[in-house]
C-alpha atoms as a PDB file:
ATOM      1  CA  UNK A   1      65.364 -11.413 -27.424  1.00  0.00           C
ATOM      2  CA  UNK A   2      61.596 -11.820 -27.227  1.00  0.00           C
ATOM      3  CA  UNK A   3      60.303 -15.020 -25.600  1.00  0.00           C
ATOM      4  CA  UNK A   4      58.351 -17.433 -27.792  1.00  0.00           C
ATOM      5  CA  UNK A   5      54.571 -17.188 -27.742  1.00  0.00           C
ATOM      6  CA  UNK A   6      52.358 -20.187 -28.433  1.00  0.00           C
ATOM      7  CA  UNK A   7      48.666 -20.549 -29.285  1.00  0.00           C
ATOM      8  CA  UNK A   8      46.772 -23.850 -29.341  1.00  0.00           C
ATOM      9  CA  UNK A   9      44.130 -24.575 -31.972  1.00  0.00           C
ATOM     10  CA  UNK A  10      42.501 -27.906 -32.827  1.00  0.00           C
ATOM     11  CA  UNK A  11      45.116 -30.023 -31.099  1.00  0.00           C
ATOM     12  CA  UNK A  12      48.095 -28.150 -32.545  1.00  0.00           C
ATOM     13  CA  UNK A  13      50.449 -25.673 -30.906  1.00  0.00           C
ATOM     14  CA  UNK A  14      51.484 -22.781 -33.138  1.00  0.00           C
ATOM     15  CA  UNK A  15      54.485 -20.552 -32.495  1.00  0.00           C
ATOM     16  CA  UNK A  16      52.992 -17.119 -33.148  1.00  0.00           C
ATOM     17  CA  UNK A  17      56.321 -15.436 -32.373  1.00  0.00           C
ATOM     18  CA  UNK A  18      57.157 -15.625 -36.068  1.00  0.00           C
ATOM     19  CA  UNK A  19      55.509 -12.524 -37.485  1.00  0.00           C
ATOM     20  CA  UNK A  20      52.912 -12.329 -34.744  1.00  0.00           C
ATOM     21  CA  UNK A  21      54.811 -11.326 -31.622  1.00  0.00           C
ATOM     22  CA  UNK A  22      53.519  -7.749 -31.683  1.00  0.00           C
ATOM     23  CA  UNK A  23      49.892  -8.991 -31.852  1.00  0.00           C
ATOM     24  CA  UNK A  24      50.223 -11.632 -29.106  1.00  0.00           C
ATOM     25  CA  UNK A  25      52.679 -10.051 -26.658  1.00  0.00           C
ATOM     26  CA  UNK A  26      51.595  -9.129 -23.113  1.00  0.00           C
ATOM     27  CA  UNK A  27      49.398  -6.044 -23.008  1.00  0.00           C
ATOM     28  CA  UNK A  28      47.768  -6.648 -26.404  1.00  0.00           C
ATOM     29  CA  UNK A  29      44.245  -7.790 -27.220  1.00  0.00           C
ATOM     30  CA  UNK A  30      45.322 -11.150 -28.649  1.00  0.00           C
ATOM     31  CA  UNK A  31      47.504 -11.985 -25.644  1.00  0.00           C
ATOM     32  CA  UNK A  32      44.442 -13.717 -24.162  1.00  0.00           C
ATOM     33  CA  UNK A  33      45.171 -16.580 -26.610  1.00  0.00           C
ATOM     34  CA  UNK A  34      48.860 -16.941 -25.773  1.00  0.00           C
ATOM     35  CA  UNK A  35      49.723 -20.099 -23.886  1.00  0.00           C
ATOM     36  CA  UNK A  36      46.210 -21.537 -24.142  1.00  0.00           C
ATOM     37  CA  UNK A  37      44.038 -23.810 -26.233  1.00  0.00           C
ATOM     38  CA  UNK A  38      42.045 -21.103 -27.969  1.00  0.00           C
ATOM     39  CA  UNK A  39      39.863 -23.371 -30.105  1.00  0.00           C
ATOM     40  CA  UNK A  40      36.542 -22.652 -28.406  1.00  0.00           C
ATOM     41  CA  UNK A  41      37.086 -18.904 -28.170  1.00  0.00           C
ATOM     42  CA  UNK A  42      38.063 -18.648 -31.829  1.00  0.00           C
ATOM     43  CA  UNK A  43      35.143 -20.838 -32.922  1.00  0.00           C
ATOM     44  CA  UNK A  44      32.589 -18.840 -30.931  1.00  0.00           C
ATOM     45  CA  UNK A  45      34.312 -15.489 -31.485  1.00  0.00           C
ATOM     46  CA  UNK A  46      34.093 -14.788 -27.752  1.00  0.00           C
ATOM     47  CA  UNK A  47      37.395 -13.276 -26.808  1.00  0.00           C
ATOM     48  CA  UNK A  48      36.691 -11.853 -23.385  1.00  0.00           C
ATOM     49  CA  UNK A  49      37.931 -14.873 -21.429  1.00  0.00           C
ATOM     50  CA  UNK A  50      39.004 -18.387 -22.274  1.00  0.00           C
ATOM     51  CA  UNK A  51      36.890 -20.583 -20.030  1.00  0.00           C
ATOM     52  CA  UNK A  52      36.814 -23.969 -21.708  1.00  0.00           C
ATOM     53  CA  UNK A  53      38.659 -26.224 -24.139  1.00  0.00           C
ATOM     54  CA  UNK A  54      35.492 -28.146 -24.978  1.00  0.00           C
ATOM     55  CA  UNK A  55      34.586 -28.108 -28.677  1.00  0.00           C
ATOM     56  CA  UNK A  56      32.403 -31.196 -29.095  1.00  0.00           C
ATOM     57  CA  UNK A  57      29.237 -29.138 -28.585  1.00  0.00           C
ATOM     58  CA  UNK A  58      29.991 -26.500 -31.222  1.00  0.00           C
ATOM     59  CA  UNK A  59      27.563 -25.886 -34.058  1.00  0.00           C
ATOM     60  CA  UNK A  60      28.558 -26.689 -37.649  1.00  0.00           C
ATOM     61  CA  UNK A  61      28.961 -22.951 -38.278  1.00  0.00           C
ATOM     62  CA  UNK A  62      31.263 -22.579 -35.274  1.00  0.00           C
ATOM     63  CA  UNK A  63      33.319 -25.583 -36.404  1.00  0.00           C
ATOM     64  CA  UNK A  64      33.668 -23.953 -39.828  1.00  0.00           C
ATOM     65  CA  UNK A  65      34.880 -20.763 -38.144  1.00  0.00           C
ATOM     66  CA  UNK A  66      37.410 -22.808 -36.164  1.00  0.00           C
ATOM     67  CA  UNK A  67      38.602 -24.535 -39.349  1.00  0.00           C
ATOM     68  CA  UNK A  68      39.012 -21.122 -40.989  1.00  0.00           C
ATOM     69  CA  UNK A  69      41.198 -19.931 -38.091  1.00  0.00           C
ATOM     70  CA  UNK A  70      43.268 -23.117 -38.256  1.00  0.00           C
ATOM     71  CA  UNK A  71      43.824 -22.651 -41.987  1.00  0.00           C
ATOM     72  CA  UNK A  72      44.722 -19.002 -41.434  1.00  0.00           C
ATOM     73  CA  UNK A  73      47.330 -19.879 -38.819  1.00  0.00           C
ATOM     74  CA  UNK A  74      48.836 -22.704 -40.837  1.00  0.00           C
ATOM     75  CA  UNK A  75      48.728 -21.471 -44.432  1.00  0.00           C
ATOM     76  CA  UNK A  76      48.244 -17.708 -44.470  1.00  0.00           C
ATOM     77  CA  UNK A  77      50.213 -16.600 -41.427  1.00  0.00           C
ATOM     78  CA  UNK A  78      52.667 -19.480 -41.765  1.00  0.00           C
ATOM     79  CA  UNK A  79      53.019 -19.941 -38.026  1.00  0.00           C
ATOM     80  CA  UNK A  80      55.068 -23.086 -37.449  1.00  0.00           C
ATOM     81  CA  UNK A  81      53.459 -25.984 -35.595  1.00  0.00           C
ATOM     82  CA  UNK A  82      55.728 -26.771 -32.671  1.00  0.00           C
ATOM     83  CA  UNK A  83      53.723 -29.382 -30.795  1.00  0.00           C
ATOM     84  CA  UNK A  84      50.456 -31.124 -30.095  1.00  0.00           C
ATOM     85  CA  UNK A  85      47.882 -30.424 -27.402  1.00  0.00           C
ATOM     86  CA  UNK A  86      46.915 -33.331 -25.216  1.00  0.00           C
ATOM     87  CA  UNK A  87      44.247 -33.703 -22.564  1.00  0.00           C
END
């Protein structure tokens, strides 16, 4: 049985194991997002390394990109929300 994989976006924790395990498993490109708050990286489209959770300095365009990712995770990919991110 594959272990669950979680990705944090905009204060929510998504279980990407449902239909996304192959994309997020260890050794894949998207594994960088697994187990982390990926909001800033998704908003800025900088996927090389997740360095910060800070999003209050993002541009309106970057915030729109982040919203688009959030909508994709929640409504198009149907990843279940399994928790909330806290500071």
